C-alpha atoms as a PDB file:
ATOM      1  CA  UNK A   1     -18.812  14.236   0.251  1.00  0.00           C
ATOM      2  CA  UNK A   2     -18.227  14.982  -3.388  1.00  0.00           C
ATOM      3  CA  UNK A   3     -16.411  11.803  -4.316  1.00  0.00           C
ATOM      4  CA  UNK A   4     -12.660  12.034  -4.571  1.00  0.00           C
ATOM      5  CA  UNK A   5     -11.779  15.197  -2.694  1.00  0.00           C
ATOM      6  CA  UNK A   6      -8.300  15.623  -4.140  1.00  0.00           C
ATOM      7  CA  UNK A   7      -6.131  14.238  -6.864  1.00  0.00           C
ATOM      8  CA  UNK A   8      -3.196  13.678  -4.521  1.00  0.00           C
ATOM      9  CA  UNK A   9      -3.782  12.892  -0.863  1.00  0.00           C
ATOM     10  CA  UNK A  10      -1.134  12.501   1.809  1.00  0.00           C
ATOM     11  CA  UNK A  11      -3.556  11.327   4.476  1.00  0.00           C
ATOM     12  CA  UNK A  12      -2.511   7.705   4.123  1.00  0.00           C
ATOM     13  CA  UNK A  13       0.563   6.460   5.992  1.00  0.00           C
ATOM     14  CA  UNK A  14       1.754   2.894   5.754  1.00  0.00           C
ATOM     15  CA  UNK A  15       3.572   2.055   8.977  1.00  0.00           C
ATOM     16  CA  UNK A  16       3.946  -1.629   9.908  1.00  0.00           C
ATOM     17  CA  UNK A  17       2.962  -0.821  13.491  1.00  0.00           C
ATOM     18  CA  UNK A  18      -0.382   0.453  12.248  1.00  0.00           C
ATOM     19  CA  UNK A  19      -1.068  -2.216   9.673  1.00  0.00           C
ATOM     20  CA  UNK A  20      -2.847  -5.345  10.827  1.00  0.00           C
ATOM     21  CA  UNK A  21       0.102  -7.699  10.557  1.00  0.00           C
ATOM     22  CA  UNK A  22      -1.942 -10.886  10.579  1.00  0.00           C
ATOM     23  CA  UNK A  23      -3.970  -9.642   7.669  1.00  0.00           C
ATOM     24  CA  UNK A  24      -0.931  -8.883   5.545  1.00  0.00           C
ATOM     25  CA  UNK A  25       1.300 -11.757   6.612  1.00  0.00           C
ATOM     26  CA  UNK A  26       0.083 -13.918   3.764  1.00  0.00           C
ATOM     27  CA  UNK A  27       1.005 -11.273   1.176  1.00  0.00           C
ATOM     28  CA  UNK A  28       4.274 -11.595  -0.664  1.00  0.00           C
ATOM     29  CA  UNK A  29       6.905 -10.004   1.546  1.00  0.00           C
ATOM     30  CA  UNK A  30       8.263  -8.144  -1.452  1.00  0.00           C
ATOM     31  CA  UNK A  31       5.048  -6.140  -1.534  1.00  0.00           C
ATOM     32  CA  UNK A  32       5.242  -5.008   2.062  1.00  0.00           C
ATOM     33  CA  UNK A  33       8.948  -4.648   2.664  1.00  0.00           C
ATOM     34  CA  UNK A  34      10.864  -1.826   4.186  1.00  0.00           C
ATOM     35  CA  UNK A  35       9.619   0.636   1.570  1.00  0.00           C
ATOM     36  CA  UNK A  36       6.231   0.721   3.214  1.00  0.00           C
ATOM     37  CA  UNK A  37       7.595   2.504   6.247  1.00  0.00           C
ATOM     38  CA  UNK A  38       7.670   5.750   4.276  1.00  0.00           C
ATOM     39  CA  UNK A  39       4.656   7.934   3.847  1.00  0.00           C
ATOM     40  CA  UNK A  40       2.238   6.539   1.291  1.00  0.00           C
ATOM     41  CA  UNK A  41       0.345   8.552  -1.289  1.00  0.00           C
ATOM     42  CA  UNK A  42      -2.787   7.347  -3.028  1.00  0.00           C
ATOM     43  CA  UNK A  43      -3.993   8.728  -6.322  1.00  0.00           C
ATOM     44  CA  UNK A  44      -6.228   7.652  -9.194  1.00  0.00           C
ATOM     45  CA  UNK A  45      -9.039   6.530  -6.905  1.00  0.00           C
ATOM     46  CA  UNK A  46     -11.331   4.971  -9.509  1.00  0.00           C
ATOM     47  CA  UNK A  47     -14.747   3.622  -8.666  1.00  0.00           C
ATOM     48  CA  UNK A  48     -16.238   0.787 -10.688  1.00  0.00           C
ATOM     49  CA  UNK A  49     -13.834   0.756 -13.622  1.00  0.00           C
ATOM     50  CA  UNK A  50     -14.642  -1.729 -16.313  1.00  0.00           C
ATOM     51  CA  UNK A  51     -11.865  -4.333 -16.374  1.00  0.00           C
ATOM     52  CA  UNK A  52     -10.593  -5.235 -19.827  1.00  0.00           C
ATOM     53  CA  UNK A  53     -10.918  -8.919 -19.317  1.00  0.00           C
ATOM     54  CA  UNK A  54     -12.997 -11.533 -21.045  1.00  0.00           C
ATOM     55  CA  UNK A  55     -14.295 -14.774 -19.631  1.00  0.00           C
ATOM     56  CA  UNK A  56     -14.870 -18.089 -21.261  1.00  0.00           C
ATOM     57  CA  UNK A  57     -16.701 -21.133 -19.980  1.00  0.00           C
ATOM     58  CA  UNK A  58     -14.928 -24.425 -20.323  1.00  0.00           C
ATOM     59  CA  UNK A  59     -15.711 -27.903 -19.167  1.00  0.00           C
ATOM     60  CA  UNK A  60     -13.080 -30.500 -18.537  1.00  0.00           C
ATOM     61  CA  UNK A  61     -13.949 -34.112 -18.293  1.00  0.00           C
ATOM     62  CA  UNK A  62     -11.599 -36.135 -16.213  1.00  0.00           C
ATOM     63  CA  UNK A  63     -11.861 -39.908 -16.110  1.00  0.00           C
ATOM     64  CA  UNK A  64     -10.432 -41.596 -13.071  1.00  0.00           C
ATOM     65  CA  UNK A  65     -10.970 -45.352 -13.343  1.00  0.00           C
ATOM     66  CA  UNK A  66     -14.772 -45.660 -13.541  1.00  0.00           C
ATOM     67  CA  UNK A  67     -15.507 -42.167 -12.260  1.00  0.00           C
ATOM     68  CA  UNK A  68     -16.324 -39.435 -14.731  1.00  0.00           C
ATOM     69  CA  UNK A  69     -15.792 -36.104 -13.138  1.00  0.00           C
ATOM     70  CA  UNK A  70     -16.956 -32.887 -14.786  1.00  0.00           C
ATOM     71  CA  UNK A  71     -15.312 -29.729 -13.659  1.00  0.00           C
ATOM     72  CA  UNK A  72     -16.778 -26.379 -14.675  1.00  0.00           C
ATOM     73  CA  UNK A  73     -14.724 -23.251 -14.350  1.00  0.00           C
ATOM     74  CA  UNK A  74     -14.407 -19.657 -15.534  1.00  0.00           C
ATOM     75  CA  UNK A  75     -11.178 -18.447 -17.032  1.00  0.00           C
ATOM     76  CA  UNK A  76      -9.957 -14.888 -17.481  1.00  0.00           C
ATOM     77  CA  UNK A  77      -8.076 -13.943 -20.614  1.00  0.00           C
ATOM     78  CA  UNK A  78      -5.464 -11.281 -21.039  1.00  0.00           C
ATOM     79  CA  UNK A  79      -5.028 -10.546 -24.716  1.00  0.00           C
ATOM     80  CA  UNK A  80      -5.073 -14.081 -26.164  1.00  0.00           C
ATOM     81  CA  UNK A  81      -3.390 -15.811 -23.244  1.00  0.00           C
ATOM     82  CA  UNK A  82      -5.501 -18.048 -21.008  1.00  0.00           C
ATOM     83  CA  UNK A  83      -4.617 -17.895 -17.323  1.00  0.00           C
ATOM     84  CA  UNK A  84      -3.130 -21.117 -16.009  1.00  0.00           C
ATOM     85  CA  UNK A  85      -4.881 -20.792 -12.638  1.00  0.00           C
ATOM     86  CA  UNK A  86      -7.687 -23.353 -12.392  1.00  0.00           C
ATOM     87  CA  UNK A  87     -10.382 -23.434 -11.268  1.00  0.00           C
ATOM     88  CA  UNK A  88     -12.013 -20.054 -10.615  1.00  0.00           C
ATOM     89  CA  UNK A  89     -15.101 -20.334  -8.382  1.00  0.00           C
ATOM     90  CA  UNK A  90     -16.927 -17.315  -9.774  1.00  0.00           C
ATOM     91  CA  UNK A  91     -16.581 -14.431 -12.182  1.00  0.00           C
ATOM     92  CA  UNK A  92     -14.716 -11.513 -10.630  1.00  0.00           C
ATOM     93  CA  UNK A  93     -14.225  -7.883 -11.568  1.00  0.00           C
ATOM     94  CA  UNK A  94     -12.238  -4.902 -10.355  1.00  0.00           C
ATOM     95  CA  UNK A  95     -14.515  -2.752  -8.205  1.00  0.00           C
ATOM     96  CA  UNK A  96     -12.034  -0.073  -7.086  1.00  0.00           C
ATOM     97  CA  UNK A  97      -8.339   0.552  -7.536  1.00  0.00           C
ATOM     98  CA  UNK A  98      -5.649   3.006  -6.524  1.00  0.00           C
ATOM     99  CA  UNK A  99      -1.906   3.523  -6.847  1.00  0.00           C
ATOM    100  CA  UNK A 100       0.374   4.172  -3.877  1.00  0.00           C
ATOM    101  CA  UNK A 101       3.545   6.247  -4.003  1.00  0.00           C
ATOM    102  CA  UNK A 102       6.420   6.849  -1.588  1.00  0.00           C
ATOM    103  CA  UNK A 103       8.885   9.689  -1.181  1.00  0.00           C
ATOM    104  CA  UNK A 104      12.402   8.934  -2.364  1.00  0.00           C
ATOM    105  CA  UNK A 105      15.106  11.550  -2.652  1.00  0.00           C
ATOM    106  CA  UNK A 106      12.493  14.283  -2.709  1.00  0.00           C
ATOM    107  CA  UNK A 107      10.478  12.689  -5.501  1.00  0.00           C
ATOM    108  CA  UNK A 108       7.425  10.481  -5.611  1.00  0.00           C
ATOM    109  CA  UNK A 109       8.078   6.913  -6.696  1.00  0.00           C
ATOM    110  CA  UNK A 110       5.413   4.333  -7.528  1.00  0.00           C
ATOM    111  CA  UNK A 111       5.215   1.609  -4.887  1.00  0.00           C
ATOM    112  CA  UNK A 112       2.201  -0.622  -5.531  1.00  0.00           C
ATOM    113  CA  UNK A 113      -1.364  -0.854  -6.809  1.00  0.00           C
ATOM    114  CA  UNK A 114      -4.201  -1.831  -4.517  1.00  0.00           C
ATOM    115  CA  UNK A 115      -7.278  -3.467  -6.023  1.00  0.00           C
ATOM    116  CA  UNK A 116     -10.710  -4.133  -4.577  1.00  0.00           C
ATOM    117  CA  UNK A 117     -12.190  -7.132  -6.369  1.00  0.00           C
ATOM    118  CA  UNK A 118     -15.877  -8.059  -6.397  1.00  0.00           C
ATOM    119  CA  UNK A 119     -17.092 -11.597  -6.936  1.00  0.00           C
ATOM    120  CA  UNK A 120     -20.205 -12.760  -8.728  1.00  0.00           C
ATOM    121  CA  UNK A 121     -22.106 -13.089  -5.454  1.00  0.00           C
ATOM    122  CA  UNK A 122     -20.960  -9.662  -4.214  1.00  0.00           C
ATOM    123  CA  UNK A 123     -18.198 -10.980  -2.034  1.00  0.00           C
ATOM    124  CA  UNK A 124     -15.223  -8.628  -1.830  1.00  0.00           C
ATOM    125  CA  UNK A 125     -11.456  -9.117  -1.751  1.00  0.00           C
ATOM    126  CA  UNK A 126      -8.402  -6.905  -1.843  1.00  0.00           C
ATOM    127  CA  UNK A 127      -5.087  -7.532  -3.526  1.00  0.00           C
ATOM    128  CA  UNK A 128      -1.770  -5.695  -3.725  1.00  0.00           C
ATOM    129  CA  UNK A 129       0.515  -5.907  -6.726  1.00  0.00           C
ATOM    130  CA  UNK A 130       3.767  -4.277  -7.699  1.00  0.00           C
ATOM    131  CA  UNK A 131       2.423  -3.869 -11.238  1.00  0.00           C
ATOM    132  CA  UNK A 132       1.357  -0.349 -12.100  1.00  0.00           C
ATOM    133  CA  UNK A 133      -2.260  -0.819 -13.153  1.00  0.00           C
ATOM    134  CA  UNK A 134      -4.267   1.993 -14.697  1.00  0.00           C
ATOM    135  CA  UNK A 135      -8.027   2.333 -15.074  1.00  0.00           C
ATOM    136  CA  UNK A 136      -7.916   0.832 -18.555  1.00  0.00           C
ATOM    137  CA  UNK A 137      -5.213  -1.776 -17.978  1.00  0.00           C
ATOM    138  CA  UNK A 138      -5.833  -5.440 -18.692  1.00  0.00           C
ATOM    139  CA  UNK A 139      -5.544  -7.414 -15.455  1.00  0.00           C
ATOM    140  CA  UNK A 140      -5.083 -11.133 -14.935  1.00  0.00           C
ATOM    141  CA  UNK A 141      -6.976 -11.558 -11.673  1.00  0.00           C
ATOM    142  CA  UNK A 142      -6.058 -15.225 -11.374  1.00  0.00           C
ATOM    143  CA  UNK A 143      -2.424 -14.547 -10.541  1.00  0.00           C
ATOM    144  CA  UNK A 144      -3.216 -12.090  -7.742  1.00  0.00           C
ATOM    145  CA  UNK A 145      -3.205 -13.141  -4.114  1.00  0.00           C
ATOM    146  CA  UNK A 146      -6.681 -12.102  -2.963  1.00  0.00           C
ATOM    147  CA  UNK A 147      -7.620 -11.580   0.680  1.00  0.00           C
ATOM    148  CA  UNK A 148     -11.288 -11.751   1.637  1.00  0.00           C
ATOM    149  CA  UNK A 149     -13.032  -8.729   3.153  1.00  0.00           C
ATOM    150  CA  UNK A 150     -15.748 -10.074   5.489  1.00  0.00           C
ATOM    151  CA  UNK A 151     -19.151  -8.426   5.041  1.00  0.00           C
ATOM    152  CA  UNK A 152     -19.492  -8.119   8.807  1.00  0.00           C
ATOM    153  CA  UNK A 153     -16.445  -5.829   8.803  1.00  0.00           C
ATOM    154  CA  UNK A 154     -17.977  -3.465   6.256  1.00  0.00           C
ATOM    155  CA  UNK A 155     -21.755  -3.265   6.464  1.00  0.00           C
ATOM    156  CA  UNK A 156     -23.624  -3.415   9.782  1.00  0.00           C
ATOM    157  CA  UNK A 157     -27.099  -4.885  10.091  1.00  0.00           C
ATOM    158  CA  UNK A 158     -29.998  -2.459   9.892  1.00  0.00           C
ATOM    159  CA  UNK A 159     -32.114  -1.955  13.000  1.00  0.00           C
ATOM    160  CA  UNK A 160     -35.763  -0.914  13.095  1.00  0.00           C
ATOM    161  CA  UNK A 161     -34.799   1.946  15.422  1.00  0.00           C
ATOM    162  CA  UNK A 162     -32.950   3.624  12.535  1.00  0.00           C
ATOM    163  CA  UNK A 163     -34.416   5.687   9.714  1.00  0.00           C
ATOM    164  CA  UNK A 164     -34.564   4.018   6.318  1.00  0.00           C
ATOM    165  CA  UNK A 165     -33.699   6.284   3.374  1.00  0.00           C
ATOM    166  CA  UNK A 166     -36.512   7.016   0.891  1.00  0.00           C
ATOM    167  CA  UNK A 167     -36.990   4.548  -1.965  1.00  0.00           C
ATOM    168  CA  UNK A 168     -36.265   5.429  -4.652  1.00  0.00           C
ATOM    169  CA  UNK A 169     -33.521   7.744  -3.492  1.00  0.00           C
ATOM    170  CA  UNK A 170     -34.092  11.456  -4.198  1.00  0.00           C
ATOM    171  CA  UNK A 171     -32.157  12.781  -7.175  1.00  0.00           C
ATOM    172  CA  UNK A 172     -30.543  15.510  -5.077  1.00  0.00           C
ATOM    173  CA  UNK A 173     -28.926  13.308  -2.463  1.00  0.00           C
ATOM    174  CA  UNK A 174     -25.491  11.967  -1.615  1.00  0.00           C
ATOM    175  CA  UNK A 175     -24.885   8.454  -0.285  1.00  0.00           C
ATOM    176  CA  UNK A 176     -21.820   8.071   1.904  1.00  0.00           C
ATOM    177  CA  UNK A 177     -20.451   4.557   1.525  1.00  0.00           C
ATOM    178  CA  UNK A 178     -17.430   2.894   3.131  1.00  0.00           C
ATOM    179  CA  UNK A 179     -14.263   3.283   1.073  1.00  0.00           C
ATOM    180  CA  UNK A 180     -13.045  -0.280   0.659  1.00  0.00           C
ATOM    181  CA  UNK A 181      -9.668   0.955  -0.584  1.00  0.00           C
ATOM    182  CA  UNK A 182      -8.923   1.927   3.005  1.00  0.00           C
ATOM    183  CA  UNK A 183      -9.482  -1.618   4.219  1.00  0.00           C
ATOM    184  CA  UNK A 184      -6.436  -3.123   5.889  1.00  0.00           C
ATOM    185  CA  UNK A 185      -4.360   0.084   5.982  1.00  0.00           C
ATOM    186  CA  UNK A 186      -4.918   0.808   9.684  1.00  0.00           C
ATOM    187  CA  UNK A 187      -6.678  -0.834  12.650  1.00  0.00           C
ATOM    188  CA  UNK A 188      -9.594   1.570  12.154  1.00  0.00           C
ATOM    189  CA  UNK A 189     -10.003   0.445   8.552  1.00  0.00           C
ATOM    190  CA  UNK A 190     -10.676  -3.095   9.746  1.00  0.00           C
ATOM    191  CA  UNK A 191     -13.748  -1.834  11.593  1.00  0.00           C
ATOM    192  CA  UNK A 192     -15.612   0.034   8.865  1.00  0.00           C
ATOM    193  CA  UNK A 193     -18.861  -1.564  10.022  1.00  0.00           C
ATOM    194  CA  UNK A 194     -18.603  -0.248  13.579  1.00  0.00           C
ATOM    195  CA  UNK A 195     -17.603   3.196  12.295  1.00  0.00           C
ATOM    196  CA  UNK A 196     -20.659   3.313  10.057  1.00  0.00           C
ATOM    197  CA  UNK A 197     -22.934   2.170  12.868  1.00  0.00           C
ATOM    198  CA  UNK A 198     -21.517   4.855  15.141  1.00  0.00           C
ATOM    199  CA  UNK A 199     -22.123   7.542  12.516  1.00  0.00           C
ATOM    200  CA  UNK A 200     -25.697   6.334  12.031  1.00  0.00           C
ATOM    201  CA  UNK A 201     -26.360   6.723  15.750  1.00  0.00           C
ATOM    202  CA  UNK A 202     -24.968  10.274  15.702  1.00  0.00           C
ATOM    203  CA  UNK A 203     -26.987  11.173  12.604  1.00  0.00           C
ATOM    204  CA  UNK A 204     -30.190   9.808  14.103  1.00  0.00           C
ATOM    205  CA  UNK A 205     -29.729  12.242  17.002  1.00  0.00           C
ATOM    206  CA  UNK A 206     -28.993  15.107  14.615  1.00  0.00           C
ATOM    207  CA  UNK A 207     -32.108  14.242  12.611  1.00  0.00           C
ATOM    208  CA  UNK A 208     -34.177  14.862  15.723  1.00  0.00           C
ATOM    209  CA  UNK A 209     -32.447  18.240  16.192  1.00  0.00           C
ATOM    210  CA  UNK A 210     -31.848  19.729  12.724  1.00  0.00           C
ATOM    211  CA  UNK A 211     -29.816  22.865  12.088  1.00  0.00           C
ATOM    212  CA  UNK A 212     -29.187  24.818   8.858  1.00  0.00           C
ATOM    213  CA  UNK A 213     -25.416  24.523   9.311  1.00  0.00           C
ATOM    214  CA  UNK A 214     -25.444  20.750   9.855  1.00  0.00           C
ATOM    215  CA  UNK A 215     -25.932  18.272   7.004  1.00  0.00           C
ATOM    216  CA  UNK A 216     -29.453  16.943   6.508  1.00  0.00           C
ATOM    217  CA  UNK A 217     -29.522  13.193   7.119  1.00  0.00           C
ATOM    218  CA  UNK A 218     -32.227  11.231   5.250  1.00  0.00           C
ATOM    219  CA  UNK A 219     -31.620   7.732   6.564  1.00  0.00           C
ATOM    220  CA  UNK A 220     -29.870   4.454   5.845  1.00  0.00           C
ATOM    221  CA  UNK A 221     -29.627   2.845   2.434  1.00  0.00           C
ATOM    222  CA  UNK A 222     -30.449  -0.796   3.111  1.00  0.00           C
ATOM    223  CA  UNK A 223     -29.911  -3.961   1.079  1.00  0.00           C
ATOM    224  CA  UNK A 224     -30.274  -7.541   2.341  1.00  0.00           C
ATOM    225  CA  UNK A 225     -30.913  -6.055   5.795  1.00  0.00           C
ATOM    226  CA  UNK A 226     -27.466  -4.449   5.860  1.00  0.00           C
ATOM    227  CA  UNK A 227     -26.689  -0.741   5.903  1.00  0.00           C
ATOM    228  CA  UNK A 228     -24.891  -0.025   2.636  1.00  0.00           C
ATOM    229  CA  UNK A 229     -24.608   3.722   3.082  1.00  0.00           C
ATOM    230  CA  UNK A 230     -25.911   6.890   4.719  1.00  0.00           C
ATOM    231  CA  UNK A 231     -28.092   9.222   2.677  1.00  0.00           C
ATOM    232  CA  UNK A 232     -27.666  12.992   2.994  1.00  0.00           C
ATOM    233  CA  UNK A 233     -28.840  16.056   1.127  1.00  0.00           C
ATOM    234  CA  UNK A 234     -26.404  16.940  -1.658  1.00  0.00           C
ATOM    235  CA  UNK A 235     -24.546  20.241  -1.453  1.00  0.00           C
ATOM    236  CA  UNK A 236     -22.612  22.159  -4.076  1.00  0.00           C
ATOM    237  CA  UNK A 237     -18.962  21.684  -3.083  1.00  0.00           C
ATOM    238  CA  UNK A 238     -16.543  21.491  -0.162  1.00  0.00           C
ATOM    239  CA  UNK A 239     -15.161  24.630   1.402  1.00  0.00           C
ATOM    240  CA  UNK A 240     -11.699  23.456   0.330  1.00  0.00           C
ATOM    241  CA  UNK A 241     -12.808  23.511  -3.291  1.00  0.00           C
ATOM    242  CA  UNK A 242     -14.727  26.775  -2.878  1.00  0.00           C
ATOM    243  CA  UNK A 243     -11.577  28.525  -1.716  1.00  0.00           C
ATOM    244  CA  UNK A 244      -9.964  27.668  -5.050  1.00  0.00           C
ATOM    245  CA  UNK A 245     -12.751  29.354  -7.019  1.00  0.00           C
ATOM    246  CA  UNK A 246     -11.860  32.895  -8.037  1.00  0.00           C
ATOM    247  CA  UNK A 247     -15.333  34.311  -7.297  1.00  0.00           C
ATOM    248  CA  UNK A 248     -15.145  36.109  -3.920  1.00  0.00           C
ATOM    249  CA  UNK A 249     -17.542  35.338  -1.072  1.00  0.00           C
ATOM    250  CA  UNK A 250     -18.174  36.565   2.454  1.00  0.00           C
ATOM    251  CA  UNK A 251     -15.625  34.631   4.513  1.00  0.00           C
ATOM    252  CA  UNK A 252     -16.698  36.229   7.797  1.00  0.00           C
ATOM    253  CA  UNK A 253     -20.278  35.073   7.250  1.00  0.00           C
ATOM    254  CA  UNK A 254     -19.058  31.604   6.302  1.00  0.00           C
ATOM    255  CA  UNK A 255     -16.957  31.304   9.463  1.00  0.00           C
ATOM    256  CA  UNK A 256     -19.898  32.495  11.506  1.00  0.00           C
ATOM    257  CA  UNK A 257     -22.051  29.721  10.031  1.00  0.00           C
ATOM    258  CA  UNK A 258     -19.402  27.084  10.766  1.00  0.00           C
ATOM    259  CA  UNK A 259     -19.249  28.235  14.369  1.00  0.00           C
ATOM    260  CA  UNK A 260     -23.028  28.123  14.670  1.00  0.00           C
ATOM    261  CA  UNK A 261     -23.022  24.544  13.416  1.00  0.00           C
ATOM    262  CA  UNK A 262     -20.309  23.629  15.930  1.00  0.00           C
ATOM    263  CA  UNK A 263     -22.190  25.240  18.796  1.00  0.00           C
ATOM    264  CA  UNK A 264     -25.341  23.349  17.823  1.00  0.00           C
ATOM    265  CA  UNK A 265     -23.451  20.058  18.093  1.00  0.00           C
ATOM    266  CA  UNK A 266     -22.088  21.149  21.461  1.00  0.00           C
ATOM    267  CA  UNK A 267     -25.597  21.958  22.689  1.00  0.00           C
ATOM    268  CA  UNK A 268     -26.404  18.278  22.089  1.00  0.00           C
ATOM    269  CA  UNK A 269     -23.298  17.205  23.980  1.00  0.00           C
ATOM    270  CA  UNK A 270     -21.481  16.237  20.772  1.00  0.00           C
ATOM    271  CA  UNK A 271     -17.951  17.087  19.637  1.00  0.00           C
ATOM    272  CA  UNK A 272     -17.232  16.858  15.901  1.00  0.00           C
ATOM    273  CA  UNK A 273     -13.467  16.282  16.371  1.00  0.00           C
ATOM    274  CA  UNK A 274     -12.573  16.756  12.690  1.00  0.00           C
ATOM    275  CA  UNK A 275     -13.269  20.336  11.641  1.00  0.00           C
ATOM    276  CA  UNK A 276     -11.371  21.074   8.426  1.00  0.00           C
ATOM    277  CA  UNK A 277     -12.196  22.546   4.978  1.00  0.00           C
ATOM    278  CA  UNK A 278     -13.031  19.154   3.457  1.00  0.00           C
ATOM    279  CA  UNK A 279     -15.622  18.483   6.169  1.00  0.00           C
ATOM    280  CA  UNK A 280     -17.507  21.697   5.452  1.00  0.00           C
ATOM    281  CA  UNK A 281     -19.759  21.961   2.413  1.00  0.00           C
ATOM    282  CA  UNK A 282     -21.181  25.143   0.928  1.00  0.00           C
ATOM    283  CA  UNK A 283     -24.472  25.544  -0.913  1.00  0.00           C
ATOM    284  CA  UNK A 284     -25.364  27.815  -3.826  1.00  0.00           C
ATOM    285  CA  UNK A 285     -25.469  30.795  -1.452  1.00  0.00           C
ATOM    286  CA  UNK A 286     -22.101  29.892   0.096  1.00  0.00           C
ATOM    287  CA  UNK A 287     -23.755  28.951   3.377  1.00  0.00           C
ATOM    288  CA  UNK A 288     -21.554  26.418   5.219  1.00  0.00           C
ATOM    289  CA  UNK A 289     -22.779  22.969   6.298  1.00  0.00           C
ATOM    290  CA  UNK A 290     -20.874  20.585   8.574  1.00  0.00           C
ATOM    291  CA  UNK A 291     -20.534  17.001   7.319  1.00  0.00           C
ATOM    292  CA  UNK A 292     -18.708  13.759   8.172  1.00  0.00           C
ATOM    293  CA  UNK A 293     -19.652  12.595  11.666  1.00  0.00           C
ATOM    294  CA  UNK A 294     -17.683   9.355  11.984  1.00  0.00           C
ATOM    295  CA  UNK A 295     -15.222  11.050  14.379  1.00  0.00           C
ATOM    296  CA  UNK A 296     -18.031  12.644  16.393  1.00  0.00           C
ATOM    297  CA  UNK A 297     -18.222  11.649  20.072  1.00  0.00           C
ATOM    298  CA  UNK A 298     -20.075  12.652  23.203  1.00  0.00           C
ATOM    299  CA  UNK A 299     -18.136  15.292  25.124  1.00  0.00           C
ATOM    300  CA  UNK A 300     -15.655  13.692  27.510  1.00  0.00           C
ATOM    301  CA  UNK A 301     -15.559  10.321  25.777  1.00  0.00           C
ATOM    302  CA  UNK A 302     -12.285   8.835  24.634  1.00  0.00           C
ATOM    303  CA  UNK A 303     -11.608   9.449  20.962  1.00  0.00           C
ATOM    304  CA  UNK A 304     -12.268   6.496  18.700  1.00  0.00           C
ATOM    305  CA  UNK A 305      -9.962   4.838  16.183  1.00  0.00           C
ATOM    306  CA  UNK A 306     -10.819   7.561  13.703  1.00  0.00           C
ATOM    307  CA  UNK A 307     -10.455  11.019  15.160  1.00  0.00           C
ATOM    308  CA  UNK A 308      -9.200  14.178  13.524  1.00  0.00           C
ATOM    309  CA  UNK A 309      -7.060  15.042  10.531  1.00  0.00           C
ATOM    310  CA  UNK A 310      -3.363  15.668  10.942  1.00  0.00           C
ATOM    311  CA  UNK A 311      -2.583  19.371  10.801  1.00  0.00           C
ATOM    312  CA  UNK A 312      -6.150  20.371  11.666  1.00  0.00           C
ATOM    313  CA  UNK A 313      -6.542  18.689  15.057  1.00  0.00           C
ATOM    314  CA  UNK A 314      -4.948  19.198  18.458  1.00  0.00           C
ATOM    315  CA  UNK A 315      -1.834  17.063  18.848  1.00  0.00           C
ATOM    316  CA  UNK A 316      -2.027  14.589  21.688  1.00  0.00           C
ATOM    317  CA  UNK A 317      -5.748  14.990  22.265  1.00  0.00           C
ATOM    318  CA  UNK A 318      -7.233  11.745  23.601  1.00  0.00           C
ATOM    319  CA  UNK A 319     -10.751  12.779  24.573  1.00  0.00           C
ATOM    320  CA  UNK A 320     -13.623  14.590  22.893  1.00  0.00           C
ATOM    321  CA  UNK A 321     -13.478  18.156  24.189  1.00  0.00           C
ATOM    322  CA  UNK A 322     -15.284  21.217  22.888  1.00  0.00           C
ATOM    323  CA  UNK A 323     -11.918  22.934  22.443  1.00  0.00           C
ATOM    324  CA  UNK A 324     -11.059  20.318  19.803  1.00  0.00           C
ATOM    325  CA  UNK A 325     -13.631  21.882  17.495  1.00  0.00           C
ATOM    326  CA  UNK A 326     -12.652  25.458  18.268  1.00  0.00           C
ATOM    327  CA  UNK A 327      -9.032  24.584  17.510  1.00  0.00           C
ATOM    328  CA  UNK A 328     -10.153  23.181  14.146  1.00  0.00           C
ATOM    329  CA  UNK A 329     -12.189  26.329  13.545  1.00  0.00           C
ATOM    330  CA  UNK A 330      -9.156  28.511  14.250  1.00  0.00           C
ATOM    331  CA  UNK A 331      -7.115  26.524  11.705  1.00  0.00           C
ATOM    332  CA  UNK A 332      -9.897  26.905   9.143  1.00  0.00           C
ATOM    333  CA  UNK A 333      -9.980  30.658   9.785  1.00  0.00           C
ATOM    334  CA  UNK A 334      -6.213  30.919   9.247  1.00  0.00           C
ATOM    335  CA  UNK A 335      -6.458  28.905   6.056  1.00  0.00           C
ATOM    336  CA  UNK A 336      -9.357  30.907   4.655  1.00  0.00           C
ATOM    337  CA  UNK A 337      -7.681  34.260   5.117  1.00  0.00           C
ATOM    338  CA  UNK A 338      -4.421  32.931   3.712  1.00  0.00           C
ATOM    339  CA  UNK A 339      -6.158  31.992   0.441  1.00  0.00           C
END
């Protein structure tokens, strides 16, 4: 919940059996060849970079017999070269971008760049290119093959039964929004809207039964009657980051607080299913707070598309069981005392 949680993350795997094949079929096969079967690594997760592109309005008048046709279009320029792709329906900009790497002979090798592109009317697309694009790189968006991201797959409609976040938003809050860079990587990533709606329902229950070791939920951030994000109280840092700070703290007391938060969820019939150091925040007093409830399920229910983090969750678990959380807690305890 503090933006990019790590500079290098190995939580993304690109296996063709997991990727929505229909979605990627129209991409150049060179982009998604056999190299994608290796483990993927994503770094340089940049939100809202300013693309170094300029636009120019042109009008072309075409006369066909007695018909005078005026075509208006926007062109993107890279340096002084005008793109040859005509016409462009609306001005576009890079909204998010990341680079993916694969393991080769024990080293990391660049594989591709993934871009999230936003149109003038807030429509979204993603594109994959073999060019290595940095945050300040000039990008010719015209030459990219862009695939639309339907709004219905990202942002669910707001319901009157849900809590609306305060307007304006409090200064000390955090808004959890869907990460569009995940879109298309796995079947779960194609259902960001349903995941968000599920988390809202869990948070609405938690709001009715607050606990000091469970994140404070303030409501839904709404625009155009769609839920754009979930608003929570802001906390100092993740437990993962706190363990890297040299200043000592009471680890026993911290573990006790995590367990109390887990037991509170269990008293409501909920299983978190993803207890790990990045899903625990700490405040200024090093009190732990559980966050991230998109994997949370009622006890006994089948686990959803998103459930658990590899290395921190029980292998082969298919249902939400209380022991899932206690297993995660035991792994956190081992990790804390190893630091």
